[in-house]
Amino acid sequence: MLHDLMPDVVTIGFGARTDAICKGLHNRGWSFVGTGEWQGERVLGVSFAGDRRATRTADELVAALIAVVGELEVAETRVW
């Protein structure tokens, strides 16, 4: 977590993978996750209460992030 914007928003950075991770989360139904900039770095912003679409928990976010990052790792190491 990079910055506590509000009590219900978490900001997370993944460097160059941030946009790909956001897309992967959107594909899994995390429509309330968005990207932005913080101190010149691309970040994800996740709202858990400030968005009426935010119906999931932090534990579910961690599970989704692990799955998305794992998929990216496999895709990057795969020989096509």
PDB file of N, CA and C in Angstrom:
ATOM      1  N   MET A   1       0.851  -1.167   0.000  1.00  0.00           N
ATOM      2  CA  MET A   1       0.000   0.000   0.000  1.00  0.00           C
ATOM      3  C   MET A   1       0.891   1.222   0.000  1.00  0.00           C
ATOM      4  N   LEU A   2       0.639   2.119  -0.925  1.00  0.00           N
ATOM      5  CA  LEU A   2       1.485   3.291  -1.067  1.00  0.00           C
ATOM      6  C   LEU A   2       0.970   4.508  -0.327  1.00  0.00           C
ATOM      7  N   HIS A   3      -0.337   4.681  -0.289  1.00  0.00           N
ATOM      8  CA  HIS A   3      -0.879   5.922   0.240  1.00  0.00           C
ATOM      9  C   HIS A   3      -2.296   5.685   0.745  1.00  0.00           C
ATOM     10  N   ASP A   4      -2.612   6.217   1.896  1.00  0.00           N
ATOM     11  CA  ASP A   4      -3.952   6.111   2.463  1.00  0.00           C
ATOM     12  C   ASP A   4      -4.725   7.364   2.056  1.00  0.00           C
ATOM     13  N   LEU A   5      -5.418   7.297   0.910  1.00  0.00           N
ATOM     14  CA  LEU A   5      -6.161   8.448   0.408  1.00  0.00           C
ATOM     15  C   LEU A   5      -7.334   8.800   1.305  1.00  0.00           C
ATOM     16  N   MET A   6      -8.117   7.811   1.596  1.00  0.00           N
ATOM     17  CA  MET A   6      -9.292   7.947   2.451  1.00  0.00           C
ATOM     18  C   MET A   6      -9.406   6.649   3.223  1.00  0.00           C
ATOM     19  N   PRO A   7     -10.205   6.616   4.262  1.00  0.00           N
ATOM     20  CA  PRO A   7     -10.302   5.367   5.033  1.00  0.00           C
ATOM     21  C   PRO A   7     -10.779   4.166   4.228  1.00  0.00           C
ATOM     22  N   ASP A   8     -11.449   4.397   3.105  1.00  0.00           N
ATOM     23  CA  ASP A   8     -11.993   3.272   2.335  1.00  0.00           C
ATOM     24  C   ASP A   8     -11.298   3.067   0.995  1.00  0.00           C
ATOM     25  N   VAL A   9     -10.192   3.764   0.729  1.00  0.00           N
ATOM     26  CA  VAL A   9      -9.481   3.630  -0.545  1.00  0.00           C
ATOM     27  C   VAL A   9      -8.049   3.186  -0.289  1.00  0.00           C
ATOM     28  N   VAL A  10      -7.626   2.169  -1.015  1.00  0.00           N
ATOM     29  CA  VAL A  10      -6.261   1.666  -0.923  1.00  0.00           C
ATOM     30  C   VAL A  10      -5.568   1.948  -2.255  1.00  0.00           C
ATOM     31  N   THR A  11      -4.332   2.439  -2.200  1.00  0.00           N
ATOM     32  CA  THR A  11      -3.548   2.693  -3.401  1.00  0.00           C
ATOM     33  C   THR A  11      -2.386   1.710  -3.426  1.00  0.00           C
ATOM     34  N   ILE A  12      -2.250   0.977  -4.537  1.00  0.00           N
ATOM     35  CA  ILE A  12      -1.247  -0.077  -4.650  1.00  0.00           C
ATOM     36  C   ILE A  12      -0.465   0.135  -5.945  1.00  0.00           C
ATOM     37  N   GLY A  13       0.860  -0.021  -5.875  1.00  0.00           N
ATOM     38  CA  GLY A  13       1.686   0.118  -7.064  1.00  0.00           C
ATOM     39  C   GLY A  13       2.287  -1.210  -7.501  1.00  0.00           C
ATOM     40  N   PHE A  14       2.311  -1.436  -8.806  1.00  0.00           N
ATOM     41  CA  PHE A  14       2.913  -2.633  -9.391  1.00  0.00           C
ATOM     42  C   PHE A  14       3.866  -2.267 -10.517  1.00  0.00           C
ATOM     43  N   GLY A  15       4.347  -1.042 -10.519  1.00  0.00           N
ATOM     44  CA  GLY A  15       5.280  -0.603 -11.549  1.00  0.00           C
ATOM     45  C   GLY A  15       4.695  -0.737 -12.932  1.00  0.00           C
ATOM     46  N   ALA A  16       5.490  -1.268 -13.851  1.00  0.00           N
ATOM     47  CA  ALA A  16       5.086  -1.395 -15.258  1.00  0.00           C
ATOM     48  C   ALA A  16       3.903  -2.345 -15.446  1.00  0.00           C
ATOM     49  N   ARG A  17       3.612  -3.168 -14.476  1.00  0.00           N
ATOM     50  CA  ARG A  17       2.510  -4.141 -14.599  1.00  0.00           C
ATOM     51  C   ARG A  17       1.159  -3.596 -14.137  1.00  0.00           C
ATOM     52  N   THR A  18       1.125  -2.383 -13.632  1.00  0.00           N
ATOM     53  CA  THR A  18      -0.102  -1.851 -13.030  1.00  0.00           C
ATOM     54  C   THR A  18      -1.295  -1.909 -13.979  1.00  0.00           C
ATOM     55  N   ASP A  19      -1.134  -1.446 -15.211  1.00  0.00           N
ATOM     56  CA  ASP A  19      -2.266  -1.443 -16.151  1.00  0.00           C
ATOM     57  C   ASP A  19      -2.721  -2.859 -16.493  1.00  0.00           C
ATOM     58  N   ALA A  20      -1.781  -3.770 -16.679  1.00  0.00           N
ATOM     59  CA  ALA A  20      -2.137  -5.161 -16.990  1.00  0.00           C
ATOM     60  C   ALA A  20      -2.859  -5.803 -15.809  1.00  0.00           C
ATOM     61  N   ILE A  21      -2.432  -5.498 -14.610  1.00  0.00           N
ATOM     62  CA  ILE A  21      -3.090  -6.050 -13.422  1.00  0.00           C
ATOM     63  C   ILE A  21      -4.483  -5.471 -13.283  1.00  0.00           C
ATOM     64  N   CYS A  22      -4.639  -4.181 -13.543  1.00  0.00           N
ATOM     65  CA  CYS A  22      -5.966  -3.570 -13.498  1.00  0.00           C
ATOM     66  C   CYS A  22      -6.897  -4.233 -14.507  1.00  0.00           C
ATOM     67  N   LYS A  23      -6.410  -4.471 -15.719  1.00  0.00           N
ATOM     68  CA  LYS A  23      -7.219  -5.140 -16.742  1.00  0.00           C
ATOM     69  C   LYS A  23      -7.610  -6.545 -16.279  1.00  0.00           C
ATOM     70  N   GLY A  24      -6.660  -7.266 -15.687  1.00  0.00           N
ATOM     71  CA  GLY A  24      -6.964  -8.598 -15.185  1.00  0.00           C
ATOM     72  C   GLY A  24      -8.017  -8.580 -14.087  1.00  0.00           C
ATOM     73  N   LEU A  25      -7.950  -7.585 -13.215  1.00  0.00           N
ATOM     74  CA  LEU A  25      -8.958  -7.456 -12.164  1.00  0.00           C
ATOM     75  C   LEU A  25     -10.323  -7.109 -12.760  1.00  0.00           C
ATOM     76  N   HIS A  26     -10.343  -6.217 -13.747  1.00  0.00           N
ATOM     77  CA  HIS A  26     -11.612  -5.884 -14.409  1.00  0.00           C
ATOM     78  C   HIS A  26     -12.218  -7.128 -15.043  1.00  0.00           C
ATOM     79  N   ASN A  27     -11.377  -7.959 -15.658  1.00  0.00           N
ATOM     80  CA  ASN A  27     -11.870  -9.205 -16.274  1.00  0.00           C
ATOM     81  C   ASN A  27     -12.457 -10.154 -15.236  1.00  0.00           C
ATOM     82  N   ARG A  28     -12.062 -10.001 -13.988  1.00  0.00           N
ATOM     83  CA  ARG A  28     -12.577 -10.846 -12.903  1.00  0.00           C
ATOM     84  C   ARG A  28     -13.732 -10.168 -12.158  1.00  0.00           C
ATOM     85  N   GLY A  29     -14.238  -9.057 -12.682  1.00  0.00           N
ATOM     86  CA  GLY A  29     -15.394  -8.404 -12.081  1.00  0.00           C
ATOM     87  C   GLY A  29     -15.095  -7.284 -11.101  1.00  0.00           C
ATOM     88  N   TRP A  30     -13.847  -6.895 -10.986  1.00  0.00           N
ATOM     89  CA  TRP A  30     -13.475  -5.805 -10.077  1.00  0.00           C
ATOM     90  C   TRP A  30     -13.609  -4.468 -10.795  1.00  0.00           C
ATOM     91  N   SER A  31     -14.825  -4.090 -11.111  1.00  0.00           N
ATOM     92  CA  SER A  31     -15.076  -2.882 -11.901  1.00  0.00           C
ATOM     93  C   SER A  31     -14.768  -1.596 -11.144  1.00  0.00           C
ATOM     94  N   PHE A  32     -14.689  -1.652  -9.839  1.00  0.00           N
ATOM     95  CA  PHE A  32     -14.447  -0.454  -9.045  1.00  0.00           C
ATOM     96  C   PHE A  32     -12.964  -0.215  -8.764  1.00  0.00           C
ATOM     97  N   VAL A  33     -12.086  -0.962  -9.434  1.00  0.00           N
ATOM     98  CA  VAL A  33     -10.648  -0.757  -9.357  1.00  0.00           C
ATOM     99  C   VAL A  33     -10.252   0.121 -10.537  1.00  0.00           C
ATOM    100  N   GLY A  34      -9.461   1.160 -10.259  1.00  0.00           N
ATOM    101  CA  GLY A  34      -9.033   2.048 -11.328  1.00  0.00           C
ATOM    102  C   GLY A  34      -7.554   2.370 -11.218  1.00  0.00           C
ATOM    103  N   THR A  35      -7.022   2.999 -12.241  1.00  0.00           N
ATOM    104  CA  THR A  35      -5.619   3.403 -12.223  1.00  0.00           C
ATOM    105  C   THR A  35      -5.516   4.914 -12.107  1.00  0.00           C
ATOM    106  N   GLY A  36      -4.368   5.341 -11.669  1.00  0.00           N
ATOM    107  CA  GLY A  36      -4.087   6.763 -11.546  1.00  0.00           C
ATOM    108  C   GLY A  36      -2.599   6.962 -11.333  1.00  0.00           C
ATOM    109  N   GLU A  37      -2.222   8.162 -10.962  1.00  0.00           N
ATOM    110  CA  GLU A  37      -0.823   8.499 -10.702  1.00  0.00           C
ATOM    111  C   GLU A  37      -0.688   8.978  -9.261  1.00  0.00           C
ATOM    112  N   TRP A  38       0.383   8.569  -8.625  1.00  0.00           N
ATOM    113  CA  TRP A  38       0.727   9.070  -7.296  1.00  0.00           C
ATOM    114  C   TRP A  38       2.236   9.224  -7.254  1.00  0.00           C
ATOM    115  N   GLN A  39       2.670  10.439  -7.015  1.00  0.00           N
ATOM    116  CA  GLN A  39       4.096  10.772  -6.977  1.00  0.00           C
ATOM    117  C   GLN A  39       4.824  10.263  -8.216  1.00  0.00           C
ATOM    118  N   GLY A  40       4.196  10.434  -9.377  1.00  0.00           N
ATOM    119  CA  GLY A  40       4.796  10.042 -10.643  1.00  0.00           C
ATOM    120  C   GLY A  40       4.768   8.560 -10.950  1.00  0.00           C
ATOM    121  N   GLU A  41       4.126   7.780 -10.115  1.00  0.00           N
ATOM    122  CA  GLU A  41       4.062   6.328 -10.312  1.00  0.00           C
ATOM    123  C   GLU A  41       2.640   5.916 -10.659  1.00  0.00           C
ATOM    124  N   ARG A  42       2.488   4.998 -11.599  1.00  0.00           N
ATOM    125  CA  ARG A  42       1.188   4.439 -11.964  1.00  0.00           C
ATOM    126  C   ARG A  42       0.722   3.537 -10.826  1.00  0.00           C
ATOM    127  N   VAL A  43      -0.509   3.702 -10.374  1.00  0.00           N
ATOM    128  CA  VAL A  43      -1.029   2.953  -9.227  1.00  0.00           C
ATOM    129  C   VAL A  43      -2.457   2.489  -9.482  1.00  0.00           C
ATOM    130  N   LEU A  44      -2.849   1.493  -8.695  1.00  0.00           N
ATOM    131  CA  LEU A  44      -4.246   1.055  -8.635  1.00  0.00           C
ATOM    132  C   LEU A  44      -4.899   1.745  -7.456  1.00  0.00           C
ATOM    133  N   GLY A  45      -6.127   2.158  -7.633  1.00  0.00           N
ATOM    134  CA  GLY A  45      -6.927   2.677  -6.525  1.00  0.00           C
ATOM    135  C   GLY A  45      -8.099   1.742  -6.322  1.00  0.00           C
ATOM    136  N   VAL A  46      -8.265   1.265  -5.116  1.00  0.00           N
ATOM    137  CA  VAL A  46      -9.341   0.323  -4.811  1.00  0.00           C
ATOM    138  C   VAL A  46     -10.189   0.904  -3.694  1.00  0.00           C
ATOM    139  N   SER A  47     -11.470   1.098  -3.973  1.00  0.00           N
ATOM    140  CA  SER A  47     -12.400   1.601  -2.981  1.00  0.00           C
ATOM    141  C   SER A  47     -13.215   0.441  -2.427  1.00  0.00           C
ATOM    142  N   PHE A  48     -13.295   0.355  -1.111  1.00  0.00           N
ATOM    143  CA  PHE A  48     -14.068  -0.727  -0.501  1.00  0.00           C
ATOM    144  C   PHE A  48     -15.424  -0.274   0.019  1.00  0.00           C
ATOM    145  N   ALA A  49     -15.632   1.029   0.170  1.00  0.00           N
ATOM    146  CA  ALA A  49     -16.917   1.476   0.696  1.00  0.00           C
ATOM    147  C   ALA A  49     -17.447   2.710  -0.027  1.00  0.00           C
ATOM    148  N   GLY A  50     -16.592   3.502  -0.625  1.00  0.00           N
ATOM    149  CA  GLY A  50     -17.014   4.746  -1.240  1.00  0.00           C
ATOM    150  C   GLY A  50     -17.658   4.585  -2.599  1.00  0.00           C
ATOM    151  N   ASP A  51     -17.700   3.392  -3.111  1.00  0.00           N
ATOM    152  CA  ASP A  51     -18.263   3.123  -4.430  1.00  0.00           C
ATOM    153  C   ASP A  51     -19.377   2.096  -4.254  1.00  0.00           C
ATOM    154  N   ARG A  52     -20.550   2.394  -4.760  1.00  0.00           N
ATOM    155  CA  ARG A  52     -21.684   1.476  -4.578  1.00  0.00           C
ATOM    156  C   ARG A  52     -21.454   0.106  -5.207  1.00  0.00           C
ATOM    157  N   ARG A  53     -20.483   0.025  -6.157  1.00  0.00           N
ATOM    158  CA  ARG A  53     -20.161  -1.258  -6.783  1.00  0.00           C
ATOM    159  C   ARG A  53     -19.205  -2.084  -5.933  1.00  0.00           C
ATOM    160  N   ALA A  54     -18.616  -1.470  -4.910  1.00  0.00           N
ATOM    161  CA  ALA A  54     -17.597  -2.137  -4.093  1.00  0.00           C
ATOM    162  C   ALA A  54     -18.275  -3.078  -3.101  1.00  0.00           C
ATOM    163  N   THR A  55     -18.358  -4.336  -3.473  1.00  0.00           N
ATOM    164  CA  THR A  55     -19.060  -5.311  -2.639  1.00  0.00           C
ATOM    165  C   THR A  55     -18.146  -6.431  -2.161  1.00  0.00           C
ATOM    166  N   ARG A  56     -16.849  -6.282  -2.389  1.00  0.00           N
ATOM    167  CA  ARG A  56     -15.911  -7.344  -2.039  1.00  0.00           C
ATOM    168  C   ARG A  56     -15.009  -6.925  -0.897  1.00  0.00           C
ATOM    169  N   THR A  57     -14.278  -7.893  -0.361  1.00  0.00           N
ATOM    170  CA  THR A  57     -13.426  -7.646   0.804  1.00  0.00           C
ATOM    171  C   THR A  57     -11.954  -7.566   0.402  1.00  0.00           C
ATOM    172  N   ALA A  58     -11.151  -7.113   1.336  1.00  0.00           N
ATOM    173  CA  ALA A  58      -9.702  -7.052   1.121  1.00  0.00           C
ATOM    174  C   ALA A  58      -9.134  -8.452   0.889  1.00  0.00           C
ATOM    175  N   ASP A  59      -9.641  -9.438   1.586  1.00  0.00           N
ATOM    176  CA  ASP A  59      -9.177 -10.821   1.383  1.00  0.00           C
ATOM    177  C   ASP A  59      -9.464 -11.292  -0.039  1.00  0.00           C
ATOM    178  N   GLU A  60     -10.619 -10.926  -0.567  1.00  0.00           N
ATOM    179  CA  GLU A  60     -10.951 -11.290  -1.944  1.00  0.00           C
ATOM    180  C   GLU A  60     -10.041 -10.568  -2.932  1.00  0.00           C
ATOM    181  N   LEU A  61      -9.685  -9.318  -2.619  1.00  0.00           N
ATOM    182  CA  LEU A  61      -8.757  -8.580  -3.473  1.00  0.00           C
ATOM    183  C   LEU A  61      -7.400  -9.261  -3.502  1.00  0.00           C
ATOM    184  N   VAL A  62      -6.902  -9.673  -2.354  1.00  0.00           N
ATOM    185  CA  VAL A  62      -5.607 -10.356  -2.297  1.00  0.00           C
ATOM    186  C   VAL A  62      -5.654 -11.635  -3.139  1.00  0.00           C
ATOM    187  N   ALA A  63      -6.702 -12.410  -3.022  1.00  0.00           N
ATOM    188  CA  ALA A  63      -6.822 -13.642  -3.812  1.00  0.00           C
ATOM    189  C   ALA A  63      -6.852 -13.333  -5.313  1.00  0.00           C
ATOM    190  N   ALA A  64      -7.594 -12.292  -5.702  1.00  0.00           N
ATOM    191  CA  ALA A  64      -7.662 -11.916  -7.108  1.00  0.00           C
ATOM    192  C   ALA A  64      -6.307 -11.419  -7.611  1.00  0.00           C
ATOM    193  N   LEU A  65      -5.614 -10.639  -6.796  1.00  0.00           N
ATOM    194  CA  LEU A  65      -4.285 -10.144  -7.183  1.00  0.00           C
ATOM    195  C   LEU A  65      -3.294 -11.295  -7.370  1.00  0.00           C
ATOM    196  N   ILE A  66      -3.328 -12.258  -6.463  1.00  0.00           N
ATOM    197  CA  ILE A  66      -2.436 -13.417  -6.581  1.00  0.00           C
ATOM    198  C   ILE A  66      -2.720 -14.163  -7.884  1.00  0.00           C
ATOM    199  N   ALA A  67      -3.984 -14.340  -8.206  1.00  0.00           N
ATOM    200  CA  ALA A  67      -4.356 -15.049  -9.439  1.00  0.00           C
ATOM    201  C   ALA A  67      -3.911 -14.266 -10.677  1.00  0.00           C
ATOM    202  N   VAL A  68      -4.168 -12.959 -10.693  1.00  0.00           N
ATOM    203  CA  VAL A  68      -3.819 -12.140 -11.861  1.00  0.00           C
ATOM    204  C   VAL A  68      -2.309 -12.083 -12.048  1.00  0.00           C
ATOM    205  N   VAL A  69      -1.568 -11.851 -10.977  1.00  0.00           N
ATOM    206  CA  VAL A  69      -0.108 -11.796 -11.081  1.00  0.00           C
ATOM    207  C   VAL A  69       0.438 -13.155 -11.535  1.00  0.00           C
ATOM    208  N   GLY A  70      -0.119 -14.234 -11.025  1.00  0.00           N
ATOM    209  CA  GLY A  70       0.290 -15.570 -11.450  1.00  0.00           C
ATOM    210  C   GLY A  70       0.060 -15.782 -12.934  1.00  0.00           C
ATOM    211  N   GLU A  71      -1.083 -15.334 -13.434  1.00  0.00           N
ATOM    212  CA  GLU A  71      -1.378 -15.454 -14.857  1.00  0.00           C
ATOM    213  C   GLU A  71      -0.381 -14.642 -15.689  1.00  0.00           C
ATOM    214  N   LEU A  72      -0.035 -13.450 -15.227  1.00  0.00           N
ATOM    215  CA  LEU A  72       0.945 -12.629 -15.944  1.00  0.00           C
ATOM    216  C   LEU A  72       2.316 -13.299 -15.956  1.00  0.00           C
ATOM    217  N   GLU A  73       2.684 -13.905 -14.836  1.00  0.00           N
ATOM    218  CA  GLU A  73       3.974 -14.603 -14.759  1.00  0.00           C
ATOM    219  C   GLU A  73       4.032 -15.745 -15.764  1.00  0.00           C
ATOM    220  N   VAL A  74       2.969 -16.519 -15.830  1.00  0.00           N
ATOM    221  CA  VAL A  74       2.922 -17.647 -16.772  1.00  0.00           C
ATOM    222  C   VAL A  74       2.989 -17.116 -18.205  1.00  0.00           C
ATOM    223  N   ALA A  75       2.232 -16.068 -18.511  1.00  0.00           N
ATOM    224  CA  ALA A  75       2.208 -15.520 -19.859  1.00  0.00           C
ATOM    225  C   ALA A  75       3.571 -14.985 -20.270  1.00  0.00           C
ATOM    226  N   GLU A  76       4.305 -14.390 -19.331  1.00  0.00           N
ATOM    227  CA  GLU A  76       5.612 -13.810 -19.643  1.00  0.00           C
ATOM    228  C   GLU A  76       6.683 -14.879 -19.842  1.00  0.00           C
ATOM    229  N   THR A  77       6.518 -16.037 -19.238  1.00  0.00           N
ATOM    230  CA  THR A  77       7.544 -17.077 -19.331  1.00  0.00           C
ATOM    231  C   THR A  77       7.228 -18.138 -20.371  1.00  0.00           C
ATOM    232  N   ARG A  78       6.051 -18.070 -20.932  1.00  0.00           N
ATOM    233  CA  ARG A  78       5.609 -19.067 -21.892  1.00  0.00           C
ATOM    234  C   ARG A  78       6.251 -18.829 -23.264  1.00  0.00           C
ATOM    235  N   VAL A  79       6.641 -19.875 -23.902  1.00  0.00           N
ATOM    236  CA  VAL A  79       7.197 -19.796 -25.244  1.00  0.00           C
ATOM    237  C   VAL A  79       6.065 -20.067 -26.216  1.00  0.00           C
ATOM    238  N   TRP A  80       5.730 -19.105 -27.027  1.00  0.00           N
ATOM    239  CA  TRP A  80       4.606 -19.252 -27.968  1.00  0.00           C
ATOM    240  C   TRP A  80       5.116 -19.758 -29.241  1.00  0.00           C
TER     241      TRP A  80
END
